[in-house]
Amino acid sequence: MEPLAKRRIAIAVSVLIVAGAAAALAYWLTRPSTEPRQLVLYGNIDLRQVDLAFNGSERVAAVLVQEGDVVHKGQVLAKMDTSRLEPQFANAKAQVAAQKAAVQRLHNGSRPEEIAQARANLASAKADAENAHLLYGREKSLFDKGSATQQELDNAKAAMDVADAKVEVNQKALDLEIAGPRVEDIAQAEAQLRANQAQLALARQQLADASLIAPLDGVIRSRLMEPGDMASPQRPVFSLAITDPKWVRAYASEPDLGRIRPGMTASIMVDAFPKRRFAGWVGFISPVAEFTPKTVQTEELRTSLVYEVRVFVKDPSDELRLGMPATVYLPIDQASLPPPSEAAGRRP
């Protein structure tokens, strides 16, 4: 083959190689991305439940709601018998009223009439004492003249001493009426009043606890007691399902964990509504792996580690039920997160 022909063949081969490389580069740059644009997790709808029991031990008088009833915070759900609690409350209330009157009396001190009465008693005692002294003087004079016996003189002396003692007693009584009650007596009465008020507050609370109040909005899941049953703090009357918030308890593998962060928006689908998507957001990522022992550190088993991811769901119509299988779609190319107040404020 002539040299010119060989040269032409070499040039053609070079052109084909360059063209092939250019085509390969163009394909590499324009090829469709095989990287998934969303992360899919699987889990179940979850919510909180509260067991409601009376804070007391009495007979159940009335149960006012049924399974499936929607209840609101502050609503009365059941009542206990109060035939023993009401007299206890009335007795405590009366004791407080009586002790208040006693404290008020001590603070007011003696009335003018009481002081006047004490002065009159003292004057009467002084008059009796003066008369007793006169009688003793006469008996003493008669005894000295031999006209009275020793017994008569002793009786007159005893009557005089008794009269003097009565004067002293009535003088002290007048002093006490004028001085009024002691500070210690007032303090003791006030302390007793506080004790009675505490007993009244306890009786009032026990009477209030006879009504079982819904602590939150929710749905009655189970009715566990009926009228006539004996209630106690250890025996729930209802099981209350709290319908807000709800979340999907899903699990992510360790390789996918780096693409999930709290606050990411999400969409949730359940089998009951296959054509609908519920809006949500990632609220919690467990810091601890599950289903794999901590001592397992081999490279083959590290990818089997799974972490709980809690994705909160907006369900204003209350259509999602506890335990529903759910599929969570997390777009992994999210440019921004929802406002922190929305993501953080709804976390459990």
Protein backbone atom coordinates (compact mmCIF):
# COMPACT_ATOMS: atom_id res chain seq x y z
CA MET A 1 0.00 0.00 0.00
CA GLU A 2 1.24 3.41 -0.91
CA PRO A 3 2.36 5.75 1.85
CA LEU A 4 -0.29 8.30 0.92
CA ALA A 5 -3.10 5.76 1.33
CA LYS A 6 -1.73 4.66 4.70
CA ARG A 7 -1.61 8.26 5.83
CA ARG A 8 -5.25 8.79 4.83
CA ILE A 9 -6.37 5.69 6.73
CA ALA A 10 -4.51 6.84 9.88
CA ILE A 11 -6.12 10.27 9.64
CA ALA A 12 -9.59 8.70 9.25
CA VAL A 13 -9.05 6.44 12.26
CA SER A 14 -7.89 9.42 14.36
CA VAL A 15 -10.95 11.41 13.34
CA LEU A 16 -13.21 8.50 14.30
CA ILE A 17 -11.50 8.15 17.69
CA VAL A 18 -11.82 11.88 18.38
CA ALA A 19 -15.48 11.84 17.33
CA GLY A 20 -16.19 8.84 19.53
CA ALA A 21 -14.53 10.49 22.52
CA ALA A 22 -16.52 13.68 21.92
CA ALA A 23 -19.74 11.71 21.70
CA ALA A 24 -18.91 9.83 24.88
CA LEU A 25 -18.13 13.07 26.68
CA ALA A 26 -21.38 14.65 25.45
CA TYR A 27 -23.34 11.63 26.67
CA TRP A 28 -21.60 11.70 30.03
CA LEU A 29 -22.44 15.36 30.49
CA THR A 30 -26.05 15.11 29.32
CA ARG A 31 -27.03 11.66 30.60
CA PRO A 32 -30.12 11.47 32.90
CA SER A 33 -29.17 11.21 36.57
CA THR A 34 -29.68 7.80 38.13
CA GLU A 35 -29.38 9.28 41.65
CA PRO A 36 -32.79 9.02 43.39
CA ARG A 37 -34.41 12.41 43.96
CA GLN A 38 -36.44 11.25 46.97
CA LEU A 39 -35.99 8.90 49.88
CA VAL A 40 -38.79 6.42 50.61
CA LEU A 41 -39.38 5.16 54.14
CA TYR A 42 -41.99 2.75 55.45
CA GLY A 43 -43.70 2.73 58.82
CA ASN A 44 -46.98 2.98 60.70
CA ILE A 45 -49.19 5.77 62.01
CA ASP A 46 -48.61 6.37 65.71
CA LEU A 47 -50.13 8.59 68.38
CA ARG A 48 -50.19 8.97 72.12
CA GLN A 49 -52.69 7.39 74.47
CA VAL A 50 -53.62 8.33 78.04
CA ASP A 51 -55.23 6.10 80.67
CA LEU A 52 -57.68 8.19 82.70
CA ALA A 53 -58.48 7.17 86.28
CA PHE A 54 -60.21 8.84 89.22
CA ASN A 55 -57.96 10.31 91.90
CA GLY A 56 -60.00 8.71 94.65
CA SER A 57 -61.76 5.54 95.77
CA GLU A 58 -65.53 5.67 95.54
CA ARG A 59 -68.31 4.07 93.52
CA VAL A 60 -68.68 5.22 89.93
CA ALA A 61 -71.98 7.11 89.74
CA ALA A 62 -72.12 7.96 86.01
CA VAL A 63 -70.14 7.34 82.81
CA LEU A 64 -70.99 10.04 80.30
CA VAL A 65 -69.16 9.05 77.08
CA GLN A 66 -68.82 6.01 74.84
CA GLU A 67 -66.05 4.48 72.72
CA GLY A 68 -65.38 6.60 69.66
CA ASP A 69 -66.73 9.84 71.15
CA VAL A 70 -64.70 12.95 70.42
CA VAL A 71 -64.01 14.79 73.67
CA HIS A 72 -62.48 18.16 74.42
CA LYS A 73 -60.17 19.44 77.12
CA GLY A 74 -62.10 20.18 80.32
CA GLN A 75 -65.09 18.01 79.44
CA VAL A 76 -66.57 15.88 82.24
CA LEU A 77 -66.29 12.22 81.27
CA ALA A 78 -67.49 10.40 84.41
CA LYS A 79 -68.52 11.05 88.01
CA MET A 80 -68.04 9.31 91.35
CA ASP A 81 -70.54 9.04 94.18
CA THR A 82 -70.18 12.10 96.46
CA SER A 83 -72.56 11.11 99.30
CA ARG A 84 -69.61 10.84 101.71
CA LEU A 85 -67.46 13.60 100.28
CA GLU A 86 -70.06 16.36 100.51
CA PRO A 87 -70.58 16.06 104.33
CA GLN A 88 -66.80 16.05 104.81
CA PHE A 89 -66.55 19.23 102.78
CA ALA A 90 -69.40 20.87 104.75
CA ASN A 91 -67.76 19.92 108.08
CA ALA A 92 -64.40 21.36 107.01
CA LYS A 93 -66.11 24.54 105.85
CA ALA A 94 -67.89 24.94 109.19
CA GLN A 95 -64.66 24.42 111.14
CA VAL A 96 -62.98 27.17 109.14
CA ALA A 97 -65.88 29.55 109.85
CA ALA A 98 -65.77 28.80 113.59
CA GLN A 99 -62.02 29.28 113.82
CA LYS A 100 -62.18 32.53 111.87
CA ALA A 101 -64.63 33.84 114.45
CA ALA A 102 -62.29 32.77 117.26
CA VAL A 103 -59.33 34.55 115.68
CA GLN A 104 -61.41 37.67 115.10
CA ARG A 105 -62.50 37.65 118.74
CA LEU A 106 -58.89 37.49 119.90
CA HIS A 107 -57.86 40.33 117.59
CA ASN A 108 -60.73 42.52 118.81
CA GLY A 109 -59.77 42.04 122.48
CA SER A 110 -62.11 42.65 125.41
CA ARG A 111 -65.32 44.56 124.93
CA PRO A 112 -66.02 47.63 127.11
CA GLU A 113 -68.88 45.77 128.74
CA GLU A 114 -66.55 42.94 129.78
CA ILE A 115 -64.12 45.44 131.34
CA ALA A 116 -66.98 47.16 133.14
CA GLN A 117 -68.19 43.81 134.45
CA ALA A 118 -64.69 43.02 135.76
CA ARG A 119 -64.55 46.42 137.52
CA ALA A 120 -67.92 45.76 139.13
CA ASN A 121 -66.79 42.34 140.34
CA LEU A 122 -63.67 43.92 141.82
CA ALA A 123 -65.72 46.59 143.62
CA SER A 124 -68.05 43.94 145.02
CA ALA A 125 -65.08 41.90 146.25
CA LYS A 126 -63.56 44.97 147.90
CA ALA A 127 -66.86 45.70 149.67
CA ASP A 128 -67.05 42.13 150.94
CA ALA A 129 -63.44 42.34 152.11
CA GLU A 130 -64.07 45.62 153.95
CA ASN A 131 -67.06 44.09 155.71
CA ALA A 132 -65.01 40.98 156.60
CA HIS A 133 -62.32 43.22 158.15
CA LEU A 134 -64.94 44.99 160.29
CA LEU A 135 -66.39 41.69 161.46
CA TYR A 136 -62.94 40.43 162.36
CA GLY A 137 -62.22 43.59 164.34
CA ARG A 138 -65.39 43.24 166.36
CA GLU A 139 -64.70 39.55 167.04
CA LYS A 140 -61.16 40.40 168.09
CA SER A 141 -62.44 43.01 170.52
CA LEU A 142 -64.99 40.62 171.99
CA PHE A 143 -62.37 37.88 172.28
CA ASP A 144 -60.06 40.21 174.16
CA LYS A 145 -62.92 40.95 176.60
CA GLY A 146 -63.68 37.26 176.97
CA SER A 147 -67.08 37.54 175.28
CA ALA A 148 -66.13 35.52 172.18
CA THR A 149 -64.62 32.14 171.79
CA GLN A 150 -61.45 31.27 169.90
CA GLN A 151 -63.51 29.44 167.27
CA GLU A 152 -65.55 32.56 166.52
CA LEU A 153 -62.38 34.58 166.16
CA ASP A 154 -60.84 32.00 163.84
CA ASN A 155 -63.98 31.98 161.65
CA ALA A 156 -63.91 35.74 161.33
CA LYS A 157 -60.19 35.61 160.43
CA ALA A 158 -60.83 32.96 157.75
CA ALA A 159 -63.72 34.96 156.25
CA MET A 160 -61.48 38.03 156.09
CA ASP A 161 -58.69 36.11 154.33
CA VAL A 162 -61.16 34.67 151.80
CA ALA A 163 -62.51 38.13 151.05
CA ASP A 164 -58.97 39.50 150.53
CA ALA A 165 -58.19 36.63 148.14
CA LYS A 166 -61.35 37.36 146.14
CA VAL A 167 -60.25 40.97 145.81
CA GLU A 168 -56.89 39.83 144.40
CA VAL A 169 -58.57 37.40 142.01
CA ASN A 170 -60.94 40.03 140.67
CA GLN A 171 -58.10 42.53 140.35
CA LYS A 172 -56.15 40.08 138.20
CA ALA A 173 -59.26 39.39 136.10
CA LEU A 174 -59.68 43.12 135.50
CA ASP A 175 -56.01 43.42 134.50
CA LEU A 176 -56.43 40.57 131.99
CA GLU A 177 -59.54 42.13 130.48
CA ILE A 178 -57.73 45.43 130.04
CA ALA A 179 -54.56 43.81 128.59
CA GLY A 180 -56.49 41.65 126.13
CA PRO A 181 -55.40 38.25 124.72
CA ARG A 182 -51.77 37.16 124.68
CA VAL A 183 -49.76 37.27 121.46
CA GLU A 184 -49.11 33.55 121.77
CA ASP A 185 -52.85 32.82 121.98
CA ILE A 186 -53.47 34.80 118.80
CA ALA A 187 -50.64 32.98 117.01
CA GLN A 188 -52.00 29.61 118.12
CA ALA A 189 -55.50 30.48 116.92
CA GLU A 190 -54.20 31.67 113.56
CA ALA A 191 -52.16 28.49 113.13
CA GLN A 192 -55.26 26.42 113.87
CA LEU A 193 -57.16 28.46 111.29
CA ARG A 194 -54.53 27.68 108.66
CA ALA A 195 -54.77 23.99 109.48
CA ASN A 196 -58.55 24.11 109.11
CA GLN A 197 -58.23 25.95 105.81
CA ALA A 198 -55.84 23.27 104.55
CA GLN A 199 -58.36 20.60 105.48
CA LEU A 200 -61.05 22.55 103.63
CA ALA A 201 -58.84 22.80 100.53
CA LEU A 202 -58.25 19.05 100.66
CA ALA A 203 -61.97 18.34 101.00
CA ARG A 204 -62.73 20.72 98.13
CA GLN A 205 -60.15 19.00 95.92
CA GLN A 206 -61.50 15.57 96.80
CA LEU A 207 -64.96 16.75 95.82
CA ALA A 208 -63.60 18.14 92.55
CA ASP A 209 -61.76 14.87 91.86
CA ALA A 210 -65.12 13.11 91.90
CA SER A 211 -65.52 14.40 88.32
CA LEU A 212 -63.16 12.84 85.75
CA ILE A 213 -62.07 15.62 83.38
CA ALA A 214 -60.55 15.20 79.90
CA PRO A 215 -56.98 16.59 80.08
CA LEU A 216 -56.71 17.05 76.28
CA ASP A 217 -58.72 16.86 73.10
CA GLY A 218 -58.98 13.30 71.85
CA VAL A 219 -61.11 10.27 71.09
CA ILE A 220 -62.33 7.70 73.62
CA ARG A 221 -60.57 4.50 72.60
CA SER A 222 -61.76 2.20 75.41
CA ARG A 223 -64.43 2.43 78.12
CA LEU A 224 -63.15 0.26 80.95
CA MET A 225 -65.57 0.86 83.85
CA GLU A 226 -69.33 1.16 84.32
CA PRO A 227 -71.60 2.77 86.94
CA GLY A 228 -71.44 0.79 90.18
CA ASP A 229 -67.79 -0.22 89.77
CA MET A 230 -65.38 0.74 92.53
CA ALA A 231 -63.01 3.39 91.24
CA SER A 232 -59.42 3.83 92.38
CA PRO A 233 -56.30 5.63 91.08
CA GLN A 234 -54.93 2.26 89.91
CA ARG A 235 -57.97 1.39 87.72
CA PRO A 236 -58.40 3.41 84.50
CA VAL A 237 -61.91 4.36 83.46
CA PHE A 238 -61.04 5.32 79.88
CA SER A 239 -58.23 5.02 77.38
CA LEU A 240 -57.99 8.34 75.51
CA ALA A 241 -56.31 8.57 72.10
CA ILE A 242 -54.72 11.98 71.52
CA THR A 243 -55.34 12.79 67.86
CA ASP A 244 -52.97 15.76 67.61
CA PRO A 245 -50.13 15.36 66.98
CA LYS A 246 -49.89 12.20 64.86
CA TRP A 247 -46.74 10.86 63.30
CA VAL A 248 -45.34 8.02 61.24
CA ARG A 249 -42.86 5.84 63.07
CA ALA A 250 -40.54 4.84 60.24
CA TYR A 251 -37.01 3.45 60.09
CA ALA A 252 -34.04 4.51 57.96
CA SER A 253 -30.90 2.53 57.24
CA GLU A 254 -27.53 3.90 58.24
CA PRO A 255 -26.44 4.85 54.65
CA ASP A 256 -29.63 6.94 54.25
CA LEU A 257 -29.27 8.61 57.62
CA GLY A 258 -26.97 11.31 56.30
CA ARG A 259 -29.66 12.55 53.90
CA ILE A 260 -32.30 13.08 56.61
CA ARG A 261 -32.41 16.03 58.96
CA PRO A 262 -35.04 17.42 61.36
CA GLY A 263 -37.42 19.88 59.74
CA MET A 264 -37.39 18.30 56.27
CA THR A 265 -40.76 18.44 54.55
CA ALA A 266 -42.35 15.13 53.70
CA SER A 267 -45.43 13.66 52.08
CA ILE A 268 -47.17 10.60 53.46
CA MET A 269 -49.39 8.08 51.72
CA VAL A 270 -51.53 5.37 53.31
CA ASP A 271 -53.28 2.44 51.66
CA ALA A 272 -56.70 3.73 52.72
CA PHE A 273 -56.22 6.89 50.61
CA PRO A 274 -53.96 5.84 47.72
CA LYS A 275 -54.60 8.99 45.67
CA ARG A 276 -53.91 11.43 48.49
CA ARG A 277 -50.74 12.73 50.06
CA PHE A 278 -50.65 14.07 53.61
CA ALA A 279 -48.18 16.86 54.36
CA GLY A 280 -45.66 16.41 57.16
CA TRP A 281 -42.16 17.05 58.37
CA VAL A 282 -39.32 15.21 60.10
CA GLY A 283 -39.53 15.91 63.81
CA PHE A 284 -37.17 13.41 65.41
CA ILE A 285 -34.30 11.15 64.41
CA SER A 286 -33.23 8.57 66.96
CA PRO A 287 -29.59 8.77 68.02
CA VAL A 288 -29.55 5.02 68.75
CA ALA A 289 -29.67 2.15 66.24
CA GLU A 290 -32.18 -0.63 66.71
CA PHE A 291 -32.40 -4.37 65.99
CA THR A 292 -28.60 -4.79 65.93
CA PRO A 293 -26.42 -5.45 68.99
CA LYS A 294 -24.03 -2.65 69.83
CA THR A 295 -21.09 -5.06 69.83
CA VAL A 296 -21.56 -5.90 66.13
CA GLN A 297 -19.09 -3.72 64.25
CA THR A 298 -18.31 -5.73 61.11
CA GLU A 299 -18.46 -3.82 57.83
CA GLU A 300 -21.04 -6.21 56.37
CA LEU A 301 -23.52 -5.68 59.21
CA ARG A 302 -23.12 -1.92 59.70
CA THR A 303 -25.45 -1.28 56.77
CA SER A 304 -28.15 -3.32 58.57
CA LEU A 305 -28.44 -0.76 61.32
CA VAL A 306 -31.76 1.08 61.31
CA TYR A 307 -32.74 4.29 63.11
CA GLU A 308 -36.20 5.44 64.08
CA VAL A 309 -37.43 8.53 62.23
CA ARG A 310 -40.56 10.27 63.49
CA VAL A 311 -42.39 12.14 60.72
CA PHE A 312 -45.24 14.32 61.95
CA VAL A 313 -48.42 14.37 59.86
CA LYS A 314 -51.01 17.07 59.34
CA ASP A 315 -54.41 15.40 59.65
CA PRO A 316 -56.99 18.12 60.36
CA SER A 317 -59.91 15.84 59.41
CA ASP A 318 -58.76 13.05 61.77
CA GLU A 319 -58.74 10.38 59.06
CA LEU A 320 -55.57 8.53 59.98
CA ARG A 321 -55.85 5.69 62.46
CA LEU A 322 -53.39 4.14 64.86
CA GLY A 323 -51.27 1.43 63.24
CA MET A 324 -52.04 2.27 59.58
CA PRO A 325 -49.15 1.28 57.28
CA ALA A 326 -47.71 4.43 55.74
CA THR A 327 -45.15 5.34 53.10
CA VAL A 328 -43.05 8.46 53.63
CA TYR A 329 -41.52 10.36 50.72
CA LEU A 330 -38.65 12.70 51.59
CA PRO A 331 -37.32 14.90 48.75
CA ILE A 332 -33.56 14.87 49.25
CA ASP A 333 -32.88 18.00 47.20
CA GLN A 334 -34.78 20.35 49.50
CA ALA A 335 -33.31 23.80 49.21
CA SER A 336 -34.82 25.09 52.44
CA LEU A 337 -36.51 23.88 55.58
CA PRO A 338 -39.86 24.95 57.04
CA PRO A 339 -39.81 27.64 59.72
CA PRO A 340 -38.12 26.33 62.90
CA SER A 341 -41.15 27.25 65.02
CA GLU A 342 -43.35 24.88 62.99
CA ALA A 343 -40.87 22.00 62.94
CA ALA A 344 -39.74 22.31 66.54
CA GLY A 345 -43.01 23.38 68.11
CA ARG A 346 -44.78 20.16 67.26
CA ARG A 347 -42.12 17.78 68.46
CA PRO A 348 -43.12 15.55 71.34
